Amino acid sequence: TLGAGQVATWDLADEPAAVAKARSHV
């Protein structure tokens, strides 16, 4: 199994502005 520190998850809005937020999260 993979520990919690090895995984990061984000829910994104269904809108173009979410792409910039995704880059920021990464």
PDB file of all heavy atoms in Angstrom:
ATOM      1  N   THR A   1       0.832  -1.197   0.000  1.00  0.00           N
ATOM      2  CA  THR A   1       0.000   0.000   0.000  1.00  0.00           C
ATOM      3  C   THR A   1       0.868   1.248   0.000  1.00  0.00           C
ATOM      4  O   THR A   1       2.046   1.207   0.362  1.00  0.00           O
ATOM      5  CB  THR A   1      -0.928   0.033   1.223  1.00  0.00           C
ATOM      6  OG1 THR A   1      -0.134   0.018   2.416  1.00  0.00           O
ATOM      7  CG2 THR A   1      -1.860  -1.162   1.230  1.00  0.00           C
ATOM      8  N   LEU A   2       0.275   2.346  -0.424  1.00  0.00           N
ATOM      9  CA  LEU A   2       0.945   3.643  -0.412  1.00  0.00           C
ATOM     10  C   LEU A   2       0.416   4.467   0.754  1.00  0.00           C
ATOM     11  O   LEU A   2      -0.800   4.532   0.983  1.00  0.00           O
ATOM     12  CB  LEU A   2       0.695   4.382  -1.724  1.00  0.00           C
ATOM     13  CG  LEU A   2       1.259   3.714  -2.984  1.00  0.00           C
ATOM     14  CD1 LEU A   2       0.876   4.526  -4.223  1.00  0.00           C
ATOM     15  CD2 LEU A   2       2.770   3.576  -2.903  1.00  0.00           C
ATOM     16  N   GLY A   3       1.324   5.098   1.496  1.00  0.00           N
ATOM     17  CA  GLY A   3       0.932   5.900   2.641  1.00  0.00           C
ATOM     18  C   GLY A   3       0.292   7.213   2.227  1.00  0.00           C
ATOM     19  O   GLY A   3       0.402   7.660   1.071  1.00  0.00           O
ATOM     20  N   ALA A   4      -0.372   7.852   3.187  1.00  0.00           N
ATOM     21  CA  ALA A   4      -1.057   9.119   2.908  1.00  0.00           C
ATOM     22  C   ALA A   4      -0.089  10.190   2.430  1.00  0.00           C
ATOM     23  O   ALA A   4      -0.460  11.079   1.646  1.00  0.00           O
ATOM     24  CB  ALA A   4      -1.794   9.590   4.158  1.00  0.00           C
ATOM     25  N   GLY A   5       1.167  10.137   2.866  1.00  0.00           N
ATOM     26  CA  GLY A   5       2.139  11.128   2.446  1.00  0.00           C
ATOM     27  C   GLY A   5       2.596  10.977   1.011  1.00  0.00           C
ATOM     28  O   GLY A   5       3.301  11.848   0.486  1.00  0.00           O
ATOM     29  N   GLN A   6       2.211   9.897   0.358  1.00  0.00           N
ATOM     30  CA  GLN A   6       2.594   9.661  -1.039  1.00  0.00           C
ATOM     31  C   GLN A   6       1.495  10.016  -2.023  1.00  0.00           C
ATOM     32  O   GLN A   6       1.681   9.866  -3.230  1.00  0.00           O
ATOM     33  CB  GLN A   6       2.980   8.188  -1.233  1.00  0.00           C
ATOM     34  CG  GLN A   6       4.199   7.741  -0.451  1.00  0.00           C
ATOM     35  CD  GLN A   6       4.432   6.253  -0.597  1.00  0.00           C
ATOM     36  OE1 GLN A   6       3.931   5.447   0.180  1.00  0.00           O
ATOM     37  NE2 GLN A   6       5.185   5.878  -1.610  1.00  0.00           N
ATOM     38  N   VAL A   7       0.362  10.461  -1.533  1.00  0.00           N
ATOM     39  CA  VAL A   7      -0.807  10.713  -2.387  1.00  0.00           C
ATOM     40  C   VAL A   7      -1.384  12.085  -2.076  1.00  0.00           C
ATOM     41  O   VAL A   7      -1.503  12.474  -0.905  1.00  0.00           O
ATOM     42  CB  VAL A   7      -1.894   9.636  -2.175  1.00  0.00           C
ATOM     43  CG1 VAL A   7      -3.064   9.871  -3.129  1.00  0.00           C
ATOM     44  CG2 VAL A   7      -1.329   8.239  -2.368  1.00  0.00           C
ATOM     45  N   ALA A   8      -1.732  12.833  -3.118  1.00  0.00           N
ATOM     46  CA  ALA A   8      -2.394  14.133  -2.960  1.00  0.00           C
ATOM     47  C   ALA A   8      -3.554  14.209  -3.949  1.00  0.00           C
ATOM     48  O   ALA A   8      -3.388  13.871  -5.123  1.00  0.00           O
ATOM     49  CB  ALA A   8      -1.413  15.274  -3.206  1.00  0.00           C
ATOM     50  N   THR A   9      -4.725  14.627  -3.471  1.00  0.00           N
ATOM     51  CA  THR A   9      -5.934  14.650  -4.288  1.00  0.00           C
ATOM     52  C   THR A   9      -6.631  15.994  -4.146  1.00  0.00           C
ATOM     53  O   THR A   9      -6.722  16.536  -3.036  1.00  0.00           O
ATOM     54  CB  THR A   9      -6.889  13.521  -3.861  1.00  0.00           C
ATOM     55  OG1 THR A   9      -6.207  12.267  -3.916  1.00  0.00           O
ATOM     56  CG2 THR A   9      -8.101  13.463  -4.786  1.00  0.00           C
ATOM     57  N   TRP A  10      -7.121  16.513  -5.280  1.00  0.00           N
ATOM     58  CA  TRP A  10      -7.863  17.772  -5.274  1.00  0.00           C
ATOM     59  C   TRP A  10      -9.105  17.636  -6.154  1.00  0.00           C
ATOM     60  O   TRP A  10      -9.039  17.082  -7.260  1.00  0.00           O
ATOM     61  CB  TRP A  10      -7.018  18.924  -5.822  1.00  0.00           C
ATOM     62  CG  TRP A  10      -5.737  19.137  -5.086  1.00  0.00           C
ATOM     63  CD1 TRP A  10      -5.530  19.894  -3.968  1.00  0.00           C
ATOM     64  CD2 TRP A  10      -4.447  18.584  -5.429  1.00  0.00           C
ATOM     65  NE1 TRP A  10      -4.215  19.852  -3.590  1.00  0.00           N
ATOM     66  CE2 TRP A  10      -3.521  19.068  -4.460  1.00  0.00           C
ATOM     67  CE3 TRP A  10      -3.995  17.745  -6.444  1.00  0.00           C
ATOM     68  CZ2 TRP A  10      -2.181  18.718  -4.502  1.00  0.00           C
ATOM     69  CZ3 TRP A  10      -2.661  17.393  -6.480  1.00  0.00           C
ATOM     70  CH2 TRP A  10      -1.764  17.869  -5.517  1.00  0.00           C
ATOM     71  N   ASP A  11     -10.220  18.164  -5.688  1.00  0.00           N
ATOM     72  CA  ASP A  11     -11.430  18.294  -6.499  1.00  0.00           C
ATOM     73  C   ASP A  11     -11.378  19.637  -7.211  1.00  0.00           C
ATOM     74  O   ASP A  11     -11.086  20.664  -6.590  1.00  0.00           O
ATOM     75  CB  ASP A  11     -12.684  18.200  -5.629  1.00  0.00           C
ATOM     76  CG  ASP A  11     -12.862  16.806  -5.048  1.00  0.00           C
ATOM     77  OD1 ASP A  11     -12.620  15.833  -5.786  1.00  0.00           O
ATOM     78  OD2 ASP A  11     -13.237  16.704  -3.858  1.00  0.00           O
ATOM     79  N   LEU A  12     -11.660  19.621  -8.509  1.00  0.00           N
ATOM     80  CA  LEU A  12     -11.546  20.826  -9.325  1.00  0.00           C
ATOM     81  C   LEU A  12     -12.912  21.249  -9.865  1.00  0.00           C
ATOM     82  O   LEU A  12     -13.767  20.406 -10.153  1.00  0.00           O
ATOM     83  CB  LEU A  12     -10.592  20.584 -10.503  1.00  0.00           C
ATOM     84  CG  LEU A  12      -9.165  20.158 -10.140  1.00  0.00           C
ATOM     85  CD1 LEU A  12      -8.380  19.836 -11.407  1.00  0.00           C
ATOM     86  CD2 LEU A  12      -8.460  21.250  -9.333  1.00  0.00           C
ATOM     87  N   ALA A  13     -13.082  22.542 -10.003  1.00  0.00           N
ATOM     88  CA  ALA A  13     -14.311  23.072 -10.584  1.00  0.00           C
ATOM     89  C   ALA A  13     -14.342  22.801 -12.086  1.00  0.00           C
ATOM     90  O   ALA A  13     -13.311  22.696 -12.747  1.00  0.00           O
ATOM     91  CB  ALA A  13     -14.417  24.577 -10.314  1.00  0.00           C
ATOM     92  N   ASP A  14     -15.543  22.711 -12.616  1.00  0.00           N
ATOM     93  CA  ASP A  14     -15.720  22.472 -14.053  1.00  0.00           C
ATOM     94  C   ASP A  14     -15.702  23.800 -14.804  1.00  0.00           C
ATOM     95  O   ASP A  14     -16.707  24.238 -15.371  1.00  0.00           O
ATOM     96  CB  ASP A  14     -17.045  21.736 -14.286  1.00  0.00           C
ATOM     97  CG  ASP A  14     -17.254  21.388 -15.750  1.00  0.00           C
ATOM     98  OD1 ASP A  14     -16.255  21.246 -16.475  1.00  0.00           O
ATOM     99  OD2 ASP A  14     -18.429  21.257 -16.159  1.00  0.00           O
ATOM    100  N   GLU A  15     -14.543  24.452 -14.802  1.00  0.00           N
ATOM    101  CA  GLU A  15     -14.398  25.747 -15.446  1.00  0.00           C
ATOM    102  C   GLU A  15     -12.939  25.950 -15.832  1.00  0.00           C
ATOM    103  O   GLU A  15     -12.033  25.356 -15.231  1.00  0.00           O
ATOM    104  CB  GLU A  15     -14.834  26.862 -14.498  1.00  0.00           C
ATOM    105  CG  GLU A  15     -14.045  26.891 -13.189  1.00  0.00           C
ATOM    106  CD  GLU A  15     -14.571  27.929 -12.226  1.00  0.00           C
ATOM    107  OE1 GLU A  15     -15.729  28.342 -12.385  1.00  0.00           O
ATOM    108  OE2 GLU A  15     -13.824  28.341 -11.319  1.00  0.00           O
ATOM    109  N   PRO A  16     -12.657  26.753 -16.868  1.00  0.00           N
ATOM    110  CA  PRO A  16     -11.287  26.942 -17.336  1.00  0.00           C
ATOM    111  C   PRO A  16     -10.327  27.436 -16.268  1.00  0.00           C
ATOM    112  O   PRO A  16      -9.140  27.097 -16.296  1.00  0.00           O
ATOM    113  CB  PRO A  16     -11.445  27.975 -18.464  1.00  0.00           C
ATOM    114  CG  PRO A  16     -12.841  27.777 -18.965  1.00  0.00           C
ATOM    115  CD  PRO A  16     -13.643  27.421 -17.750  1.00  0.00           C
ATOM    116  N   ALA A  17     -10.811  28.219 -15.314  1.00  0.00           N
ATOM    117  CA  ALA A  17      -9.924  28.739 -14.266  1.00  0.00           C
ATOM    118  C   ALA A  17      -9.325  27.627 -13.421  1.00  0.00           C
ATOM    119  O   ALA A  17      -8.307  27.817 -12.749  1.00  0.00           O
ATOM    120  CB  ALA A  17     -10.697  29.713 -13.373  1.00  0.00           C
ATOM    121  N   ALA A  18      -9.924  26.423 -13.463  1.00  0.00           N
ATOM    122  CA  ALA A  18      -9.417  25.312 -12.665  1.00  0.00           C
ATOM    123  C   ALA A  18      -8.060  24.828 -13.161  1.00  0.00           C
ATOM    124  O   ALA A  18      -7.314  24.200 -12.403  1.00  0.00           O
ATOM    125  CB  ALA A  18     -10.417  24.162 -12.684  1.00  0.00           C
ATOM    126  N   VAL A  19      -7.729  25.109 -14.422  1.00  0.00           N
ATOM    127  CA  VAL A  19      -6.447  24.660 -14.966  1.00  0.00           C
ATOM    128  C   VAL A  19      -5.298  25.349 -14.233  1.00  0.00           C
ATOM    129  O   VAL A  19      -4.305  24.713 -13.860  1.00  0.00           O
ATOM    130  CB  VAL A  19      -6.383  24.936 -16.479  1.00  0.00           C
ATOM    131  CG1 VAL A  19      -5.027  24.510 -17.043  1.00  0.00           C
ATOM    132  CG2 VAL A  19      -7.504  24.192 -17.200  1.00  0.00           C
ATOM    133  N   ALA A  20      -5.416  26.641 -14.002  1.00  0.00           N
ATOM    134  CA  ALA A  20      -4.372  27.367 -13.273  1.00  0.00           C
ATOM    135  C   ALA A  20      -4.270  26.867 -11.835  1.00  0.00           C
ATOM    136  O   ALA A  20      -3.169  26.744 -11.280  1.00  0.00           O
ATOM    137  CB  ALA A  20      -4.664  28.863 -13.300  1.00  0.00           C
ATOM    138  N   LYS A  21      -5.410  26.570 -11.225  1.00  0.00           N
ATOM    139  CA  LYS A  21      -5.386  26.046  -9.861  1.00  0.00           C
ATOM    140  C   LYS A  21      -4.704  24.680  -9.829  1.00  0.00           C
ATOM    141  O   LYS A  21      -3.979  24.357  -8.887  1.00  0.00           O
ATOM    142  CB  LYS A  21      -6.801  25.955  -9.312  1.00  0.00           C
ATOM    143  CG  LYS A  21      -7.450  27.311  -9.069  1.00  0.00           C
ATOM    144  CD  LYS A  21      -8.842  27.152  -8.473  1.00  0.00           C
ATOM    145  CE  LYS A  21      -9.468  28.521  -8.221  1.00  0.00           C
ATOM    146  NZ  LYS A  21     -10.839  28.393  -7.640  1.00  0.00           N
ATOM    147  N   ALA A  22      -4.941  23.875 -10.847  1.00  0.00           N
ATOM    148  CA  ALA A  22      -4.303  22.563 -10.913  1.00  0.00           C
ATOM    149  C   ALA A  22      -2.787  22.709 -10.993  1.00  0.00           C
ATOM    150  O   ALA A  22      -2.048  21.980 -10.311  1.00  0.00           O
ATOM    151  CB  ALA A  22      -4.829  21.782 -12.113  1.00  0.00           C
ATOM    152  N   ARG A  23      -2.316  23.640 -11.812  1.00  0.00           N
ATOM    153  CA  ARG A  23      -0.867  23.863 -11.903  1.00  0.00           C
ATOM    154  C   ARG A  23      -0.302  24.302 -10.558  1.00  0.00           C
ATOM    155  O   ARG A  23       0.777  23.878 -10.144  1.00  0.00           O
ATOM    156  CB  ARG A  23      -0.561  24.915 -12.980  1.00  0.00           C
ATOM    157  CG  ARG A  23      -0.766  24.423 -14.398  1.00  0.00           C
ATOM    158  CD  ARG A  23      -0.073  25.347 -15.389  1.00  0.00           C
ATOM    159  NE  ARG A  23      -0.626  26.690 -15.346  1.00  0.00           N
ATOM    160  CZ  ARG A  23      -1.597  27.121 -16.143  1.00  0.00           C
ATOM    161  NH1 ARG A  23      -2.117  26.302 -17.052  1.00  0.00           N
ATOM    162  NH2 ARG A  23      -2.042  28.361 -16.069  1.00  0.00           N
ATOM    163  N   SER A  24      -1.045  25.169  -9.857  1.00  0.00           N
ATOM    164  CA  SER A  24      -0.587  25.633  -8.548  1.00  0.00           C
ATOM    165  C   SER A  24      -0.513  24.480  -7.552  1.00  0.00           C
ATOM    166  O   SER A  24       0.443  24.368  -6.775  1.00  0.00           O
ATOM    167  CB  SER A  24      -1.535  26.724  -8.035  1.00  0.00           C
ATOM    168  OG  SER A  24      -1.164  27.152  -6.747  1.00  0.00           O
ATOM    169  N   HIS A  25      -1.521  23.595  -7.569  1.00  0.00           N
ATOM    170  CA  HIS A  25      -1.513  22.431  -6.680  1.00  0.00           C
ATOM    171  C   HIS A  25      -0.292  21.551  -6.959  1.00  0.00           C
ATOM    172  O   HIS A  25       0.381  21.086  -6.027  1.00  0.00           O
ATOM    173  CB  HIS A  25      -2.788  21.619  -6.870  1.00  0.00           C
ATOM    174  CG  HIS A  25      -4.032  22.279  -6.380  1.00  0.00           C
ATOM    175  ND1 HIS A  25      -4.083  23.003  -5.214  1.00  0.00           N
ATOM    176  CD2 HIS A  25      -5.292  22.303  -6.909  1.00  0.00           C
ATOM    177  CE1 HIS A  25      -5.317  23.458  -5.034  1.00  0.00           C
ATOM    178  NE2 HIS A  25      -6.064  23.049  -6.047  1.00  0.00           N
ATOM    179  N   VAL A  26      -0.021  21.326  -8.237  1.00  0.00           N
ATOM    180  CA  VAL A  26       1.102  20.458  -8.619  1.00  0.00           C
ATOM    181  C   VAL A  26       2.418  21.060  -8.163  1.00  0.00           C
ATOM    182  O   VAL A  26       3.273  20.376  -7.584  1.00  0.00           O
ATOM    183  CB  VAL A  26       1.103  20.230 -10.144  1.00  0.00           C
ATOM    184  CG1 VAL A  26       2.400  19.541 -10.587  1.00  0.00           C
ATOM    185  CG2 VAL A  26      -0.102  19.386 -10.554  1.00  0.00           C
TER     186      VAL A  26
END
